[in-house]
Full PDB file with SEQRES, HELIX, SHEET, SSBOND, CRYST1, ORIGX, SCALE, CONECT and MASTER records, all heavy atoms in Angstrom:
SEQRES   1 A   30  ALA GLY ALA MET LYS TRP MET LEU SER LYS GLU LYS ARG          
SEQRES   2 A   30  GLN GLU HIS VAL ILE GLY PHE PRO ASP THR PHE ALA ILE          
SEQRES   3 A   30  GLY PRO ILE HIS                                              
HELIX    1 AA1 GLY A    2  LYS A   10  1                                   9    
HELIX    2 AA2 ASP A   22  ILE A   26  5                                   5    
CRYST1    1.000    1.000    1.000  90.00  90.00  90.00 P 1           1          
ORIGX1      1.000000  0.000000  0.000000        0.00000                         
ORIGX2      0.000000  1.000000  0.000000        0.00000                         
ORIGX3      0.000000  0.000000  1.000000        0.00000                         
SCALE1      1.000000  0.000000  0.000000        0.00000                         
SCALE2      0.000000  1.000000  0.000000        0.00000                         
SCALE3      0.000000  0.000000  1.000000        0.00000                         
ATOM      1  N   ALA A   1      -4.306 -14.776  10.289  1.00  0.00           N  
ATOM      2  CA  ALA A   1      -5.063 -14.891  11.536  1.00  0.00           C  
ATOM      3  C   ALA A   1      -6.525 -15.230  11.259  1.00  0.00           C  
ATOM      4  O   ALA A   1      -7.113 -16.091  11.915  1.00  0.00           O  
ATOM      5  CB  ALA A   1      -4.961 -13.596  12.341  1.00  0.00           C  
ATOM      6  N   GLY A   2      -7.102 -14.573  10.270  1.00  0.00           N  
ATOM      7  CA  GLY A   2      -8.493 -14.855   9.917  1.00  0.00           C  
ATOM      8  C   GLY A   2      -8.687 -16.272   9.416  1.00  0.00           C  
ATOM      9  O   GLY A   2      -9.654 -16.945   9.773  1.00  0.00           O  
ATOM     10  N   ALA A   3      -7.756 -16.734   8.590  1.00  0.00           N  
ATOM     11  CA  ALA A   3      -7.846 -18.098   8.070  1.00  0.00           C  
ATOM     12  C   ALA A   3      -7.703 -19.125   9.187  1.00  0.00           C  
ATOM     13  O   ALA A   3      -8.411 -20.139   9.215  1.00  0.00           O  
ATOM     14  CB  ALA A   3      -6.773 -18.328   7.001  1.00  0.00           C  
ATOM     15  N   MET A   4      -6.802 -18.850  10.122  1.00  0.00           N  
ATOM     16  CA  MET A   4      -6.588 -19.763  11.248  1.00  0.00           C  
ATOM     17  C   MET A   4      -7.832 -19.820  12.140  1.00  0.00           C  
ATOM     18  O   MET A   4      -8.261 -20.896  12.553  1.00  0.00           O  
ATOM     19  CB  MET A   4      -5.376 -19.296  12.051  1.00  0.00           C  
ATOM     20  CG  MET A   4      -4.951 -20.249  13.108  1.00  0.00           C  
ATOM     21  SD  MET A   4      -4.079 -21.616  12.358  1.00  0.00           S  
ATOM     22  CE  MET A   4      -3.035 -22.063  13.691  1.00  0.00           C  
ATOM     23  N   LYS A   5      -8.429 -18.660  12.419  1.00  0.00           N  
ATOM     24  CA  LYS A   5      -9.656 -18.617  13.229  1.00  0.00           C  
ATOM     25  C   LYS A   5     -10.785 -19.370  12.529  1.00  0.00           C  
ATOM     26  O   LYS A   5     -11.547 -20.100  13.168  1.00  0.00           O  
ATOM     27  CB  LYS A   5     -10.078 -17.176  13.485  1.00  0.00           C  
ATOM     28  CG  LYS A   5      -9.177 -16.466  14.457  1.00  0.00           C  
ATOM     29  CD  LYS A   5      -9.608 -15.018  14.625  1.00  0.00           C  
ATOM     30  CE  LYS A   5      -8.675 -14.273  15.541  1.00  0.00           C  
ATOM     31  NZ  LYS A   5      -9.062 -12.869  15.720  1.00  0.00           N  
ATOM     32  N   TRP A   6     -10.904 -19.192  11.211  1.00  0.00           N  
ATOM     33  CA  TRP A   6     -11.960 -19.870  10.454  1.00  0.00           C  
ATOM     34  C   TRP A   6     -11.774 -21.383  10.513  1.00  0.00           C  
ATOM     35  O   TRP A   6     -12.712 -22.126  10.750  1.00  0.00           O  
ATOM     36  CB  TRP A   6     -11.943 -19.383   9.009  1.00  0.00           C  
ATOM     37  CG  TRP A   6     -12.972 -20.052   8.153  1.00  0.00           C  
ATOM     38  CD1 TRP A   6     -14.291 -19.737   8.072  1.00  0.00           C  
ATOM     39  CD2 TRP A   6     -12.755 -21.167   7.294  1.00  0.00           C  
ATOM     40  NE1 TRP A   6     -14.912 -20.585   7.191  1.00  0.00           N  
ATOM     41  CE2 TRP A   6     -13.989 -21.484   6.695  1.00  0.00           C  
ATOM     42  CE3 TRP A   6     -11.642 -21.922   6.964  1.00  0.00           C  
ATOM     43  CZ2 TRP A   6     -14.136 -22.517   5.802  1.00  0.00           C  
ATOM     44  CZ3 TRP A   6     -11.796 -22.959   6.066  1.00  0.00           C  
ATOM     45  CH2 TRP A   6     -13.021 -23.247   5.495  1.00  0.00           C  
ATOM     46  N   MET A   7     -10.531 -21.831  10.296  1.00  0.00           N  
ATOM     47  CA  MET A   7     -10.241 -23.263  10.315  1.00  0.00           C  
ATOM     48  C   MET A   7     -10.544 -23.859  11.690  1.00  0.00           C  
ATOM     49  O   MET A   7     -11.146 -24.925  11.800  1.00  0.00           O  
ATOM     50  CB  MET A   7      -8.772 -23.510   9.953  1.00  0.00           C  
ATOM     51  CG  MET A   7      -8.363 -24.964   9.800  1.00  0.00           C  
ATOM     52  SD  MET A   7      -7.925 -25.867  11.314  1.00  0.00           S  
ATOM     53  CE  MET A   7      -6.658 -24.864  12.019  1.00  0.00           C  
ATOM     54  N   LEU A   8     -10.142 -23.164  12.736  1.00  0.00           N  
ATOM     55  CA  LEU A   8     -10.390 -23.668  14.088  1.00  0.00           C  
ATOM     56  C   LEU A   8     -11.889 -23.730  14.396  1.00  0.00           C  
ATOM     57  O   LEU A   8     -12.350 -24.656  15.061  1.00  0.00           O  
ATOM     58  CB  LEU A   8      -9.660 -22.804  15.120  1.00  0.00           C  
ATOM     59  CG  LEU A   8      -8.138 -22.917  15.103  1.00  0.00           C  
ATOM     60  CD1 LEU A   8      -7.515 -21.840  15.982  1.00  0.00           C  
ATOM     61  CD2 LEU A   8      -7.679 -24.295  15.531  1.00  0.00           C  
ATOM     62  N   SER A   9     -12.653 -22.750  13.904  1.00  0.00           N  
ATOM     63  CA  SER A   9     -14.097 -22.767  14.143  1.00  0.00           C  
ATOM     64  C   SER A   9     -14.763 -23.918  13.395  1.00  0.00           C  
ATOM     65  O   SER A   9     -15.706 -24.530  13.897  1.00  0.00           O  
ATOM     66  CB  SER A   9     -14.731 -21.440  13.752  1.00  0.00           C  
ATOM     67  OG  SER A   9     -14.759 -21.274  12.352  1.00  0.00           O  
ATOM     68  N   LYS A  10     -14.286 -24.222  12.188  1.00  0.00           N  
ATOM     69  CA  LYS A  10     -14.838 -25.348  11.424  1.00  0.00           C  
ATOM     70  C   LYS A  10     -14.557 -26.676  12.111  1.00  0.00           C  
ATOM     71  O   LYS A  10     -15.352 -27.613  12.010  1.00  0.00           O  
ATOM     72  CB  LYS A  10     -14.262 -25.381  10.000  1.00  0.00           C  
ATOM     73  CG  LYS A  10     -14.753 -24.273   9.130  1.00  0.00           C  
ATOM     74  CD  LYS A  10     -16.223 -24.450   8.882  1.00  0.00           C  
ATOM     75  CE  LYS A  10     -16.746 -23.376   7.968  1.00  0.00           C  
ATOM     76  NZ  LYS A  10     -18.195 -23.451   7.816  1.00  0.00           N  
ATOM     77  N   GLU A  11     -13.424 -26.772  12.787  1.00  0.00           N  
ATOM     78  CA  GLU A  11     -13.053 -27.986  13.519  1.00  0.00           C  
ATOM     79  C   GLU A  11     -13.647 -28.001  14.925  1.00  0.00           C  
ATOM     80  O   GLU A  11     -13.417 -28.948  15.671  1.00  0.00           O  
ATOM     81  CB  GLU A  11     -11.524 -28.105  13.598  1.00  0.00           C  
ATOM     82  CG  GLU A  11     -10.854 -28.300  12.256  1.00  0.00           C  
ATOM     83  CD  GLU A  11     -11.170 -29.647  11.645  1.00  0.00           C  
ATOM     84  OE1 GLU A  11     -11.201 -30.650  12.374  1.00  0.00           O  
ATOM     85  OE2 GLU A  11     -11.391 -29.699  10.417  1.00  0.00           O  
ATOM     86  N   LYS A  12     -14.380 -26.922  15.286  1.00  0.00           N  
ATOM     87  CA  LYS A  12     -15.003 -26.771  16.603  1.00  0.00           C  
ATOM     88  C   LYS A  12     -13.970 -26.876  17.732  1.00  0.00           C  
ATOM     89  O   LYS A  12     -14.202 -27.495  18.757  1.00  0.00           O  
ATOM     90  CB  LYS A  12     -16.136 -27.771  16.794  1.00  0.00           C  
ATOM     91  CG  LYS A  12     -17.241 -27.620  15.771  1.00  0.00           C  
ATOM     92  CD  LYS A  12     -18.452 -28.416  16.114  1.00  0.00           C  
ATOM     93  CE  LYS A  12     -19.556 -28.367  15.124  1.00  0.00           C  
ATOM     94  NZ  LYS A  12     -19.673 -27.363  14.168  1.00  0.00           N  
ATOM     95  N   ARG A  13     -12.832 -26.255  17.492  1.00  0.00           N  
ATOM     96  CA  ARG A  13     -11.757 -26.238  18.490  1.00  0.00           C  
ATOM     97  C   ARG A  13     -11.768 -24.893  19.205  1.00  0.00           C  
ATOM     98  O   ARG A  13     -11.880 -23.845  18.584  1.00  0.00           O  
ATOM     99  CB  ARG A  13     -10.414 -26.490  17.823  1.00  0.00           C  
ATOM    100  CG  ARG A  13     -10.348 -27.903  17.250  1.00  0.00           C  
ATOM    101  CD  ARG A  13      -9.174 -28.150  16.372  1.00  0.00           C  
ATOM    102  NE  ARG A  13      -7.903 -27.977  17.052  1.00  0.00           N  
ATOM    103  CZ  ARG A  13      -6.733 -28.246  16.475  1.00  0.00           C  
ATOM    104  NH1 ARG A  13      -6.685 -28.691  15.239  1.00  0.00           N  
ATOM    105  NH2 ARG A  13      -5.626 -28.065  17.139  1.00  0.00           N  
ATOM    106  N   GLN A  14     -11.663 -24.921  20.507  1.00  0.00           N  
ATOM    107  CA  GLN A  14     -11.669 -23.713  21.332  1.00  0.00           C  
ATOM    108  C   GLN A  14     -10.233 -23.261  21.600  1.00  0.00           C  
ATOM    109  O   GLN A  14      -9.727 -23.392  22.707  1.00  0.00           O  
ATOM    110  CB  GLN A  14     -12.412 -23.987  22.650  1.00  0.00           C  
ATOM    111  CG  GLN A  14     -13.850 -24.390  22.458  1.00  0.00           C  
ATOM    112  CD  GLN A  14     -14.671 -23.278  21.829  1.00  0.00           C  
ATOM    113  OE1 GLN A  14     -14.531 -22.119  22.183  1.00  0.00           O  
ATOM    114  NE2 GLN A  14     -15.530 -23.628  20.890  1.00  0.00           N  
ATOM    115  N   GLU A  15      -9.572 -22.739  20.586  1.00  0.00           N  
ATOM    116  CA  GLU A  15      -8.198 -22.280  20.696  1.00  0.00           C  
ATOM    117  C   GLU A  15      -8.140 -20.807  20.327  1.00  0.00           C  
ATOM    118  O   GLU A  15      -8.977 -20.314  19.586  1.00  0.00           O  
ATOM    119  CB  GLU A  15      -7.284 -23.111  19.795  1.00  0.00           C  
ATOM    120  CG  GLU A  15      -7.291 -24.578  20.165  1.00  0.00           C  
ATOM    121  CD  GLU A  15      -6.437 -25.441  19.245  1.00  0.00           C  
ATOM    122  OE1 GLU A  15      -5.629 -24.894  18.486  1.00  0.00           O  
ATOM    123  OE2 GLU A  15      -6.602 -26.670  19.316  1.00  0.00           O  
ATOM    124  N   HIS A  16      -7.165 -20.110  20.856  1.00  0.00           N  
ATOM    125  CA  HIS A  16      -7.024 -18.676  20.622  1.00  0.00           C  
ATOM    126  C   HIS A  16      -5.999 -18.399  19.534  1.00  0.00           C  
ATOM    127  O   HIS A  16      -5.020 -19.122  19.404  1.00  0.00           O  
ATOM    128  CB  HIS A  16      -6.604 -17.972  21.911  1.00  0.00           C  
ATOM    129  CG  HIS A  16      -7.627 -18.085  22.994  1.00  0.00           C  
ATOM    130  ND1 HIS A  16      -8.733 -17.276  23.054  1.00  0.00           N  
ATOM    131  CD2 HIS A  16      -7.717 -18.928  24.046  1.00  0.00           C  
ATOM    132  CE1 HIS A  16      -9.463 -17.605  24.098  1.00  0.00           C  
ATOM    133  NE2 HIS A  16      -8.864 -18.614  24.723  1.00  0.00           N  
ATOM    134  N   VAL A  17      -6.248 -17.328  18.783  1.00  0.00           N  
ATOM    135  CA  VAL A  17      -5.327 -16.898  17.730  1.00  0.00           C  
ATOM    136  C   VAL A  17      -4.965 -15.440  17.995  1.00  0.00           C  
ATOM    137  O   VAL A  17      -5.839 -14.597  18.172  1.00  0.00           O  
ATOM    138  CB  VAL A  17      -5.959 -17.028  16.331  1.00  0.00           C  
ATOM    139  CG1 VAL A  17      -5.022 -16.493  15.261  1.00  0.00           C  
ATOM    140  CG2 VAL A  17      -6.337 -18.472  16.046  1.00  0.00           C  
ATOM    141  N   ILE A  18      -3.669 -15.164  18.041  1.00  0.00           N  
ATOM    142  CA  ILE A  18      -3.178 -13.795  18.148  1.00  0.00           C  
ATOM    143  C   ILE A  18      -2.507 -13.471  16.823  1.00  0.00           C  
ATOM    144  O   ILE A  18      -1.567 -14.156  16.415  1.00  0.00           O  
ATOM    145  CB  ILE A  18      -2.177 -13.645  19.298  1.00  0.00           C  
ATOM    146  CG1 ILE A  18      -2.856 -13.969  20.634  1.00  0.00           C  
ATOM    147  CG2 ILE A  18      -1.579 -12.239  19.314  1.00  0.00           C  
ATOM    148  CD1 ILE A  18      -1.903 -14.008  21.807  1.00  0.00           C  
ATOM    149  N   GLY A  19      -3.004 -12.453  16.140  1.00  0.00           N  
ATOM    150  CA  GLY A  19      -2.454 -12.071  14.848  1.00  0.00           C  
ATOM    151  C   GLY A  19      -1.782 -10.714  14.914  1.00  0.00           C  
ATOM    152  O   GLY A  19      -2.397  -9.742  15.334  1.00  0.00           O  
ATOM    153  N   PHE A  20      -0.515 -10.660  14.537  1.00  0.00           N  
ATOM    154  CA  PHE A  20       0.210  -9.398  14.456  1.00  0.00           C  
ATOM    155  C   PHE A  20       0.126  -8.884  13.029  1.00  0.00           C  
ATOM    156  O   PHE A  20       0.157  -9.667  12.081  1.00  0.00           O  
ATOM    157  CB  PHE A  20       1.691  -9.594  14.819  1.00  0.00           C  
ATOM    158  CG  PHE A  20       1.923  -9.848  16.281  1.00  0.00           C  
ATOM    159  CD1 PHE A  20       2.212 -11.119  16.731  1.00  0.00           C  
ATOM    160  CD2 PHE A  20       1.853  -8.807  17.193  1.00  0.00           C  
ATOM    161  CE1 PHE A  20       2.438 -11.357  18.080  1.00  0.00           C  
ATOM    162  CE2 PHE A  20       2.080  -9.038  18.540  1.00  0.00           C  
ATOM    163  CZ  PHE A  20       2.369 -10.313  18.979  1.00  0.00           C  
ATOM    164  N   PRO A  21       0.089  -7.563  12.859  1.00  0.00           N  
ATOM    165  CA  PRO A  21       0.116  -7.006  11.499  1.00  0.00           C  
ATOM    166  C   PRO A  21       1.399  -7.408  10.777  1.00  0.00           C  
ATOM    167  O   PRO A  21       2.408  -7.707  11.413  1.00  0.00           O  
ATOM    168  CB  PRO A  21       0.079  -5.497  11.722  1.00  0.00           C  
ATOM    169  CG  PRO A  21      -0.346  -5.296  13.127  1.00  0.00           C  
ATOM    170  CD  PRO A  21       0.011  -6.531  13.875  1.00  0.00           C  
ATOM    171  N   ASP A  22       1.367  -7.364   9.466  1.00  0.00           N  
ATOM    172  CA  ASP A  22       2.532  -7.742   8.667  1.00  0.00           C  
ATOM    173  C   ASP A  22       3.772  -6.915   8.980  1.00  0.00           C  
ATOM    174  O   ASP A  22       4.896  -7.360   8.766  1.00  0.00           O  
ATOM    175  CB  ASP A  22       2.228  -7.627   7.181  1.00  0.00           C  
ATOM    176  CG  ASP A  22       1.322  -8.731   6.696  1.00  0.00           C  
ATOM    177  OD1 ASP A  22       1.339  -9.816   7.278  1.00  0.00           O  
ATOM    178  OD2 ASP A  22       0.604  -8.489   5.715  1.00  0.00           O  
ATOM    179  N   THR A  23       3.599  -5.697   9.496  1.00  0.00           N  
ATOM    180  CA  THR A  23       4.753  -4.837   9.755  1.00  0.00           C  
ATOM    181  C   THR A  23       5.676  -5.414  10.822  1.00  0.00           C  
ATOM    182  O   THR A  23       6.818  -4.987  10.932  1.00  0.00           O  
ATOM    183  CB  THR A  23       4.304  -3.431  10.182  1.00  0.00           C  
ATOM    184  OG1 THR A  23       3.439  -3.539  11.314  1.00  0.00           O  
ATOM    185  CG2 THR A  23       3.593  -2.724   9.049  1.00  0.00           C  
ATOM    186  N   PHE A  24       5.222  -6.358  11.616  1.00  0.00           N  
ATOM    187  CA  PHE A  24       6.073  -6.982  12.623  1.00  0.00           C  
ATOM    188  C   PHE A  24       6.978  -8.054  12.023  1.00  0.00           C  
ATOM    189  O   PHE A  24       7.788  -8.636  12.727  1.00  0.00           O  
ATOM    190  CB  PHE A  24       5.238  -7.608  13.739  1.00  0.00           C  
ATOM    191  CG  PHE A  24       4.688  -6.596  14.702  1.00  0.00           C  
ATOM    192  CD1 PHE A  24       3.335  -6.399  14.813  1.00  0.00           C  
ATOM    193  CD2 PHE A  24       5.538  -5.845  15.487  1.00  0.00           C  
ATOM    194  CE1 PHE A  24       2.828  -5.476  15.707  1.00  0.00           C  
ATOM    195  CE2 PHE A  24       5.041  -4.913  16.376  1.00  0.00           C  
ATOM    196  CZ  PHE A  24       3.681  -4.723  16.484  1.00  0.00           C  
ATOM    197  N   ALA A  25       6.859  -8.335  10.747  1.00  0.00           N  
ATOM    198  CA  ALA A  25       7.675  -9.364  10.120  1.00  0.00           C  
ATOM    199  C   ALA A  25       9.054  -8.834   9.711  1.00  0.00           C  
ATOM    200  O   ALA A  25       9.807  -9.533   9.069  1.00  0.00           O  
ATOM    201  CB  ALA A  25       6.953  -9.929   8.897  1.00  0.00           C  
ATOM    202  N   ILE A  26       9.406  -7.615  10.138  1.00  0.00           N  
ATOM    203  CA  ILE A  26      10.665  -7.012   9.698  1.00  0.00           C  
ATOM    204  C   ILE A  26      11.853  -7.357  10.578  1.00  0.00           C  
ATOM    205  O   ILE A  26      12.975  -7.103  10.205  1.00  0.00           O  
ATOM    206  CB  ILE A  26      10.537  -5.476   9.596  1.00  0.00           C  
ATOM    207  CG1 ILE A  26      10.204  -4.862  10.945  1.00  0.00           C  
ATOM    208  CG2 ILE A  26       9.550  -5.103   8.518  1.00  0.00           C  
ATOM    209  CD1 ILE A  26      10.259  -3.358  10.969  1.00  0.00           C  
ATOM    210  N   GLY A  27      11.647  -7.848  11.751  1.00  0.00           N  
ATOM    211  CA  GLY A  27      12.779  -8.156  12.612  1.00  0.00           C  
ATOM    212  C   GLY A  27      12.336  -8.552  14.004  1.00  0.00           C  
ATOM    213  O   GLY A  27      11.171  -8.852  14.221  1.00  0.00           O  
ATOM    214  N   PRO A  28      13.243  -8.524  14.964  1.00  0.00           N  
ATOM    215  CA  PRO A  28      12.910  -8.943  16.324  1.00  0.00           C  
ATOM    216  C   PRO A  28      11.817  -8.066  16.936  1.00  0.00           C  
ATOM    217  O   PRO A  28      11.926  -6.841  16.903  1.00  0.00           O  
ATOM    218  CB  PRO A  28      14.218  -8.773  17.097  1.00  0.00           C  
ATOM    219  CG  PRO A  28      15.284  -8.643  16.073  1.00  0.00           C  
ATOM    220  CD  PRO A  28      14.632  -8.123  14.832  1.00  0.00           C  
ATOM    221  N   ILE A  29      10.802  -8.675  17.488  1.00  0.00           N  
ATOM    222  CA  ILE A  29       9.712  -7.924  18.107  1.00  0.00           C  
ATOM    223  C   ILE A  29      10.201  -7.212  19.365  1.00  0.00           C  
ATOM    224  O   ILE A  29       9.814  -6.092  19.643  1.00  0.00           O  
ATOM    225  CB  ILE A  29       8.530  -8.856  18.439  1.00  0.00           C  
ATOM    226  CG1 ILE A  29       7.918  -9.378  17.153  1.00  0.00           C  
ATOM    227  CG2 ILE A  29       7.480  -8.145  19.264  1.00  0.00           C  
ATOM    228  CD1 ILE A  29       6.852 -10.405  17.364  1.00  0.00           C  
ATOM    229  N   HIS A  30      11.087  -7.839  20.105  1.00  0.00           N  
ATOM    230  CA  HIS A  30      11.504  -7.268  21.396  1.00  0.00           C  
ATOM    231  C   HIS A  30      12.280  -5.968  21.259  1.00  0.00           C  
ATOM    232  O   HIS A  30      12.437  -5.245  22.222  1.00  0.00           O  
ATOM    233  CB  HIS A  30      12.306  -8.297  22.198  1.00  0.00           C  
ATOM    234  CG  HIS A  30      13.675  -8.575  21.647  1.00  0.00           C  
ATOM    235  ND1 HIS A  30      13.882  -9.437  20.593  1.00  0.00           N  
ATOM    236  CD2 HIS A  30      14.884  -8.098  21.986  1.00  0.00           C  
ATOM    237  CE1 HIS A  30      15.167  -9.485  20.316  1.00  0.00           C  
ATOM    238  NE2 HIS A  30      15.802  -8.682  21.153  1.00  0.00           N  
TER     239      HIS A  30                                                      
MASTER        0    0    0    2    0    0    0    6  238    1    0    3          
END                                                                             
């Protein structure tokens, strides 16, 4: 998430980034 936000700021793009902690990578979020 931090890398994506940094890259978007360098490109001067006004886009949003939502970052979930790594613990959500274990299976279905729902």
